[in-house]
Amino acid sequence: MVKLNKIYTRTGDSGSAGLVDGSRVSKSSLRIAAIGEVDEANAAIGVAIAALGESPLGKQLLTIQNELFDLGADVATPGEVEVALRIVASQVERLEAEIDAMNGELEPLTSFILPSGSLAVAALHLARAIVRRAERAAVALNEREPLNPQLLAYVNRLSDHLFVAARHQAAREGGDVLWKPGASR
């Protein structure tokens, strides 16, 4: 259980941050950048939840938010730590099952879609784009310091999940906003 009595510690004043194993790294490191991108993705998903209100999708996204804290802990744990919190295959598989269930209710894409529509749909698309940035940060870190392969699969699948979730929500609200190539020429 996490217990935070004091929010500021002053330990990062010199530009370093602590990792799960007790080591410290620069706040400009690839690891801290990836942790920050995951944090931003989680916050964006929170905005999407707020826009969705009470809904089954909102409940799925709350589960995902919790898992993103697990994922952040995974990124913050370098190397092999015996009791590390790691993303596991069953979490990736659950995302895939949710994607398949939502996608099964949708018409196939016949055009690219604009990240637009209602506030909820737009928030889901924004969260998807931020998750893609988090994925790029994780991949960049993985090229230097290997990460848990399930972590990489999870963040990749999460952007797919959010894309399909945005389409699913748009379908409930009248449909996707389609790209019209050259429409403003």
C-alpha atoms as a PDB file:
ATOM      1  CA  MET A   1       0.000   0.000   0.000  1.00  0.00           C
ATOM      2  CA  VAL A   2       1.272   3.453  -0.859  1.00  0.00           C
ATOM      3  CA  LYS A   3       1.192   6.054   1.884  1.00  0.00           C
ATOM      4  CA  LEU A   4       2.189   9.618   1.076  1.00  0.00           C
ATOM      5  CA  ASN A   5       2.302  11.990   4.023  1.00  0.00           C
ATOM      6  CA  LYS A   6       4.492  14.569   2.365  1.00  0.00           C
ATOM      7  CA  ILE A   7       4.208  15.500  -1.298  1.00  0.00           C
ATOM      8  CA  TYR A   8       7.544  17.246  -1.682  1.00  0.00           C
ATOM      9  CA  THR A   9      10.742  15.496  -0.683  1.00  0.00           C
ATOM     10  CA  ARG A  10      13.375  17.791  -2.208  1.00  0.00           C
ATOM     11  CA  THR A  11      15.221  14.692  -3.463  1.00  0.00           C
ATOM     12  CA  GLY A  12      14.559  15.718  -7.062  1.00  0.00           C
ATOM     13  CA  ASP A  13      15.755  19.288  -6.713  1.00  0.00           C
ATOM     14  CA  SER A  14      19.059  18.419  -8.362  1.00  0.00           C
ATOM     15  CA  GLY A  15      17.304  17.036 -11.442  1.00  0.00           C
ATOM     16  CA  SER A  16      17.247  13.358 -10.561  1.00  0.00           C
ATOM     17  CA  ALA A  17      14.409  10.956  -9.852  1.00  0.00           C
ATOM     18  CA  GLY A  18      14.293   7.747  -7.852  1.00  0.00           C
ATOM     19  CA  LEU A  19      13.435   4.400  -9.393  1.00  0.00           C
ATOM     20  CA  VAL A  20      11.797   1.376  -7.769  1.00  0.00           C
ATOM     21  CA  ASP A  21      15.163  -0.344  -7.171  1.00  0.00           C
ATOM     22  CA  GLY A  22      16.436   2.706  -5.244  1.00  0.00           C
ATOM     23  CA  SER A  23      18.713   3.978  -8.005  1.00  0.00           C
ATOM     24  CA  ARG A  24      18.481   7.563  -9.245  1.00  0.00           C
ATOM     25  CA  VAL A  25      18.463   8.789 -12.833  1.00  0.00           C
ATOM     26  CA  SER A  26      18.325  12.156 -14.532  1.00  0.00           C
ATOM     27  CA  LYS A  27      14.845  13.562 -15.018  1.00  0.00           C
ATOM     28  CA  SER A  28      15.843  13.985 -18.675  1.00  0.00           C
ATOM     29  CA  SER A  29      16.498  10.248 -19.103  1.00  0.00           C
ATOM     30  CA  LEU A  30      14.554   8.085 -21.539  1.00  0.00           C
ATOM     31  CA  ARG A  31      13.129   6.127 -18.591  1.00  0.00           C
ATOM     32  CA  ILE A  32      11.694   9.187 -16.871  1.00  0.00           C
ATOM     33  CA  ALA A  33      10.414  10.489 -20.221  1.00  0.00           C
ATOM     34  CA  ALA A  34       8.548   7.211 -20.762  1.00  0.00           C
ATOM     35  CA  ILE A  35       7.107   7.327 -17.235  1.00  0.00           C
ATOM     36  CA  GLY A  36       5.938  10.897 -17.862  1.00  0.00           C
ATOM     37  CA  GLU A  37       4.295  10.000 -21.169  1.00  0.00           C
ATOM     38  CA  VAL A  38       2.439   7.114 -19.497  1.00  0.00           C
ATOM     39  CA  ASP A  39       1.298   9.507 -16.755  1.00  0.00           C
ATOM     40  CA  GLU A  40       0.016  11.977 -19.365  1.00  0.00           C
ATOM     41  CA  ALA A  41      -1.803   9.165 -21.190  1.00  0.00           C
ATOM     42  CA  ASN A  42      -3.450   8.148 -17.933  1.00  0.00           C
ATOM     43  CA  ALA A  43      -4.605  11.719 -17.304  1.00  0.00           C
ATOM     44  CA  ALA A  44      -6.010  11.947 -20.840  1.00  0.00           C
ATOM     45  CA  ILE A  45      -7.947   8.730 -20.265  1.00  0.00           C
ATOM     46  CA  GLY A  46      -9.333  10.354 -17.111  1.00  0.00           C
ATOM     47  CA  VAL A  47     -10.644  13.221 -19.239  1.00  0.00           C
ATOM     48  CA  ALA A  48     -12.283  10.701 -21.574  1.00  0.00           C
ATOM     49  CA  ILE A  49     -13.924   8.983 -18.592  1.00  0.00           C
ATOM     50  CA  ALA A  50     -15.268  12.319 -17.377  1.00  0.00           C
ATOM     51  CA  ALA A  51     -16.696  13.033 -20.843  1.00  0.00           C
ATOM     52  CA  LEU A  52     -18.280   9.571 -21.079  1.00  0.00           C
ATOM     53  CA  GLY A  53     -20.020   9.634 -17.715  1.00  0.00           C
ATOM     54  CA  GLU A  54     -21.387   6.418 -16.240  1.00  0.00           C
ATOM     55  CA  SER A  55     -21.004   3.767 -18.917  1.00  0.00           C
ATOM     56  CA  PRO A  56     -19.549   0.302 -19.475  1.00  0.00           C
ATOM     57  CA  LEU A  57     -16.739   1.905 -21.494  1.00  0.00           C
ATOM     58  CA  GLY A  58     -15.965   4.245 -18.614  1.00  0.00           C
ATOM     59  CA  LYS A  59     -15.611   1.219 -16.334  1.00  0.00           C
ATOM     60  CA  GLN A  60     -13.215  -0.434 -18.814  1.00  0.00           C
ATOM     61  CA  LEU A  61     -11.174   2.754 -18.889  1.00  0.00           C
ATOM     62  CA  LEU A  62     -10.977   2.876 -15.080  1.00  0.00           C
ATOM     63  CA  THR A  63      -9.456  -0.605 -15.173  1.00  0.00           C
ATOM     64  CA  ILE A  64      -7.009   0.632 -17.798  1.00  0.00           C
ATOM     65  CA  GLN A  65      -6.079   3.640 -15.660  1.00  0.00           C
ATOM     66  CA  ASN A  66      -5.203   1.309 -12.799  1.00  0.00           C
ATOM     67  CA  GLU A  67      -3.159  -0.856 -15.160  1.00  0.00           C
ATOM     68  CA  LEU A  68      -1.292   2.224 -16.385  1.00  0.00           C
ATOM     69  CA  PHE A  69      -0.076   2.741 -12.821  1.00  0.00           C
ATOM     70  CA  ASP A  70       1.146  -0.871 -12.926  1.00  0.00           C
ATOM     71  CA  LEU A  71       2.760  -0.134 -16.291  1.00  0.00           C
ATOM     72  CA  GLY A  72       4.449   2.985 -14.893  1.00  0.00           C
ATOM     73  CA  ALA A  73       5.849   0.886 -12.037  1.00  0.00           C
ATOM     74  CA  ASP A  74       7.070  -1.629 -14.620  1.00  0.00           C
ATOM     75  CA  VAL A  75       8.902   1.124 -16.527  1.00  0.00           C
ATOM     76  CA  ALA A  76      10.283   2.496 -13.233  1.00  0.00           C
ATOM     77  CA  THR A  77      11.814  -0.885 -12.337  1.00  0.00           C
ATOM     78  CA  PRO A  78      15.028  -1.399 -14.300  1.00  0.00           C
ATOM     79  CA  GLY A  79      16.551  -4.820 -14.734  1.00  0.00           C
ATOM     80  CA  GLU A  80      15.510  -7.929 -12.880  1.00  0.00           C
ATOM     81  CA  VAL A  81      13.870  -7.234  -9.547  1.00  0.00           C
ATOM     82  CA  GLU A  82      12.388 -10.338  -7.935  1.00  0.00           C
ATOM     83  CA  VAL A  83       9.142  -8.801  -6.654  1.00  0.00           C
ATOM     84  CA  ALA A  84       8.632  -6.272  -9.429  1.00  0.00           C
ATOM     85  CA  LEU A  85       5.149  -5.290 -10.552  1.00  0.00           C
ATOM     86  CA  ARG A  86       5.083  -6.219 -14.236  1.00  0.00           C
ATOM     87  CA  ILE A  87       2.448  -6.115 -16.970  1.00  0.00           C
ATOM     88  CA  VAL A  88       1.404  -9.685 -17.803  1.00  0.00           C
ATOM     89  CA  ALA A  89       0.007 -11.378 -20.917  1.00  0.00           C
ATOM     90  CA  SER A  90      -3.508 -11.698 -19.471  1.00  0.00           C
ATOM     91  CA  GLN A  91      -3.782  -7.896 -19.330  1.00  0.00           C
ATOM     92  CA  VAL A  92      -2.895  -7.651 -23.033  1.00  0.00           C
ATOM     93  CA  GLU A  93      -5.334 -10.463 -23.827  1.00  0.00           C
ATOM     94  CA  ARG A  94      -8.154  -8.678 -21.964  1.00  0.00           C
ATOM     95  CA  LEU A  95      -7.540  -5.541 -24.042  1.00  0.00           C
ATOM     96  CA  GLU A  96      -7.702  -7.657 -27.204  1.00  0.00           C
ATOM     97  CA  ALA A  97     -10.999  -9.230 -26.105  1.00  0.00           C
ATOM     98  CA  GLU A  98     -12.464  -5.784 -25.396  1.00  0.00           C
ATOM     99  CA  ILE A  99     -11.269  -4.515 -28.781  1.00  0.00           C
ATOM    100  CA  ASP A 100     -12.812  -7.512 -30.549  1.00  0.00           C
ATOM    101  CA  ALA A 101     -16.136  -7.071 -28.708  1.00  0.00           C
ATOM    102  CA  MET A 102     -16.403  -3.363 -29.572  1.00  0.00           C
ATOM    103  CA  ASN A 103     -15.155  -3.823 -33.131  1.00  0.00           C
ATOM    104  CA  GLY A 104     -17.655  -6.632 -33.722  1.00  0.00           C
ATOM    105  CA  GLU A 105     -20.458  -4.083 -33.379  1.00  0.00           C
ATOM    106  CA  LEU A 106     -18.947  -1.650 -35.925  1.00  0.00           C
ATOM    107  CA  GLU A 107     -19.158  -1.373 -39.675  1.00  0.00           C
ATOM    108  CA  PRO A 108     -15.789  -1.804 -41.422  1.00  0.00           C
ATOM    109  CA  LEU A 109     -13.853   1.384 -42.110  1.00  0.00           C
ATOM    110  CA  THR A 110     -14.219   2.705 -45.646  1.00  0.00           C
ATOM    111  CA  SER A 111     -12.341   5.946 -45.046  1.00  0.00           C
ATOM    112  CA  PHE A 112      -9.930   7.453 -42.598  1.00  0.00           C
ATOM    113  CA  ILE A 113     -11.769   9.167 -39.781  1.00  0.00           C
ATOM    114  CA  LEU A 114     -11.147  12.525 -38.210  1.00  0.00           C
ATOM    115  CA  PRO A 115     -10.396  12.625 -34.480  1.00  0.00           C
ATOM    116  CA  SER A 116     -13.580  14.568 -33.967  1.00  0.00           C
ATOM    117  CA  GLY A 117     -17.213  14.305 -32.981  1.00  0.00           C
ATOM    118  CA  SER A 118     -18.594  14.674 -29.481  1.00  0.00           C
ATOM    119  CA  LEU A 119     -16.478  15.665 -26.503  1.00  0.00           C
ATOM    120  CA  ALA A 120     -16.254  11.997 -25.462  1.00  0.00           C
ATOM    121  CA  VAL A 121     -15.170  10.822 -28.924  1.00  0.00           C
ATOM    122  CA  ALA A 122     -12.610  13.608 -29.276  1.00  0.00           C
ATOM    123  CA  ALA A 123     -11.255  12.872 -25.774  1.00  0.00           C
ATOM    124  CA  LEU A 124     -10.828   9.189 -26.680  1.00  0.00           C
ATOM    125  CA  HIS A 125      -8.957  10.127 -29.864  1.00  0.00           C
ATOM    126  CA  LEU A 126      -6.727  12.531 -27.926  1.00  0.00           C
ATOM    127  CA  ALA A 127      -5.980   9.823 -25.361  1.00  0.00           C
ATOM    128  CA  ARG A 128      -5.126   7.453 -28.239  1.00  0.00           C
ATOM    129  CA  ALA A 129      -2.654   9.951 -29.696  1.00  0.00           C
ATOM    130  CA  ILE A 130      -1.028  10.482 -26.293  1.00  0.00           C
ATOM    131  CA  VAL A 131      -0.762   6.713 -25.766  1.00  0.00           C
ATOM    132  CA  ARG A 132       1.012   6.504 -29.141  1.00  0.00           C
ATOM    133  CA  ARG A 133       3.532   9.058 -27.860  1.00  0.00           C
ATOM    134  CA  ALA A 134       3.980   6.992 -24.689  1.00  0.00           C
ATOM    135  CA  GLU A 135       4.568   3.957 -26.877  1.00  0.00           C
ATOM    136  CA  ARG A 136       7.258   5.786 -28.864  1.00  0.00           C
ATOM    137  CA  ALA A 137       8.956   6.770 -25.589  1.00  0.00           C
ATOM    138  CA  ALA A 138       8.827   3.168 -24.343  1.00  0.00           C
ATOM    139  CA  VAL A 139      10.239   1.866 -27.624  1.00  0.00           C
ATOM    140  CA  ALA A 140      13.070   4.421 -27.481  1.00  0.00           C
ATOM    141  CA  LEU A 141      13.899   3.289 -23.935  1.00  0.00           C
ATOM    142  CA  ASN A 142      13.657  -0.371 -24.924  1.00  0.00           C
ATOM    143  CA  GLU A 143      16.250   0.195 -27.653  1.00  0.00           C
ATOM    144  CA  ARG A 144      18.734   1.175 -24.912  1.00  0.00           C
ATOM    145  CA  GLU A 145      17.529  -0.804 -21.906  1.00  0.00           C
ATOM    146  CA  PRO A 146      15.269  -3.792 -22.538  1.00  0.00           C
ATOM    147  CA  LEU A 147      11.763  -3.546 -21.116  1.00  0.00           C
ATOM    148  CA  ASN A 148       9.178  -6.193 -20.372  1.00  0.00           C
ATOM    149  CA  PRO A 149       7.835  -7.313 -23.790  1.00  0.00           C
ATOM    150  CA  GLN A 150       4.305  -7.475 -22.346  1.00  0.00           C
ATOM    151  CA  LEU A 151       4.595  -3.796 -21.403  1.00  0.00           C
ATOM    152  CA  LEU A 152       5.352  -2.930 -25.029  1.00  0.00           C
ATOM    153  CA  ALA A 153       2.485  -5.115 -26.278  1.00  0.00           C
ATOM    154  CA  TYR A 154       0.097  -3.541 -23.754  1.00  0.00           C
ATOM    155  CA  VAL A 155       0.808   0.049 -24.724  1.00  0.00           C
ATOM    156  CA  ASN A 156       0.566  -0.863 -28.425  1.00  0.00           C
ATOM    157  CA  ARG A 157      -2.761  -2.602 -27.887  1.00  0.00           C
ATOM    158  CA  LEU A 158      -4.041   0.250 -25.722  1.00  0.00           C
ATOM    159  CA  SER A 159      -3.861   2.724 -28.602  1.00  0.00           C
ATOM    160  CA  ASP A 160      -5.857   0.253 -30.708  1.00  0.00           C
ATOM    161  CA  HIS A 161      -8.354  -0.082 -27.862  1.00  0.00           C
ATOM    162  CA  LEU A 162      -8.832   3.677 -27.643  1.00  0.00           C
ATOM    163  CA  PHE A 163      -9.241   3.975 -31.426  1.00  0.00           C
ATOM    164  CA  VAL A 164     -11.950   1.314 -31.472  1.00  0.00           C
ATOM    165  CA  ALA A 165     -13.526   2.791 -28.324  1.00  0.00           C
ATOM    166  CA  ALA A 166     -13.735   6.184 -30.062  1.00  0.00           C
ATOM    167  CA  ARG A 167     -15.385   4.558 -33.088  1.00  0.00           C
ATOM    168  CA  HIS A 168     -17.729   2.595 -30.842  1.00  0.00           C
ATOM    169  CA  GLN A 169     -18.778   5.756 -28.987  1.00  0.00           C
ATOM    170  CA  ALA A 170     -19.159   7.654 -32.285  1.00  0.00           C
ATOM    171  CA  ALA A 171     -21.419   4.891 -33.610  1.00  0.00           C
ATOM    172  CA  ARG A 172     -23.675   5.391 -30.582  1.00  0.00           C
ATOM    173  CA  GLU A 173     -23.810   9.103 -31.421  1.00  0.00           C
ATOM    174  CA  GLY A 174     -24.458   8.968 -35.176  1.00  0.00           C
ATOM    175  CA  GLY A 175     -21.192   7.762 -36.662  1.00  0.00           C
ATOM    176  CA  ASP A 176     -17.595   8.624 -37.386  1.00  0.00           C
ATOM    177  CA  VAL A 177     -16.563  11.960 -38.853  1.00  0.00           C
ATOM    178  CA  LEU A 178     -15.013  10.891 -42.156  1.00  0.00           C
ATOM    179  CA  TRP A 179     -12.004  12.413 -43.845  1.00  0.00           C
ATOM    180  CA  LYS A 180     -12.877  14.014 -47.173  1.00  0.00           C
ATOM    181  CA  PRO A 181      -9.617  14.149 -49.154  1.00  0.00           C
ATOM    182  CA  GLY A 182      -9.049  17.500 -50.789  1.00  0.00           C
ATOM    183  CA  ALA A 183     -12.412  18.828 -49.536  1.00  0.00           C
ATOM    184  CA  SER A 184     -11.049  22.316 -48.851  1.00  0.00           C
ATOM    185  CA  ARG A 185      -9.264  22.840 -52.172  1.00  0.00           C
END
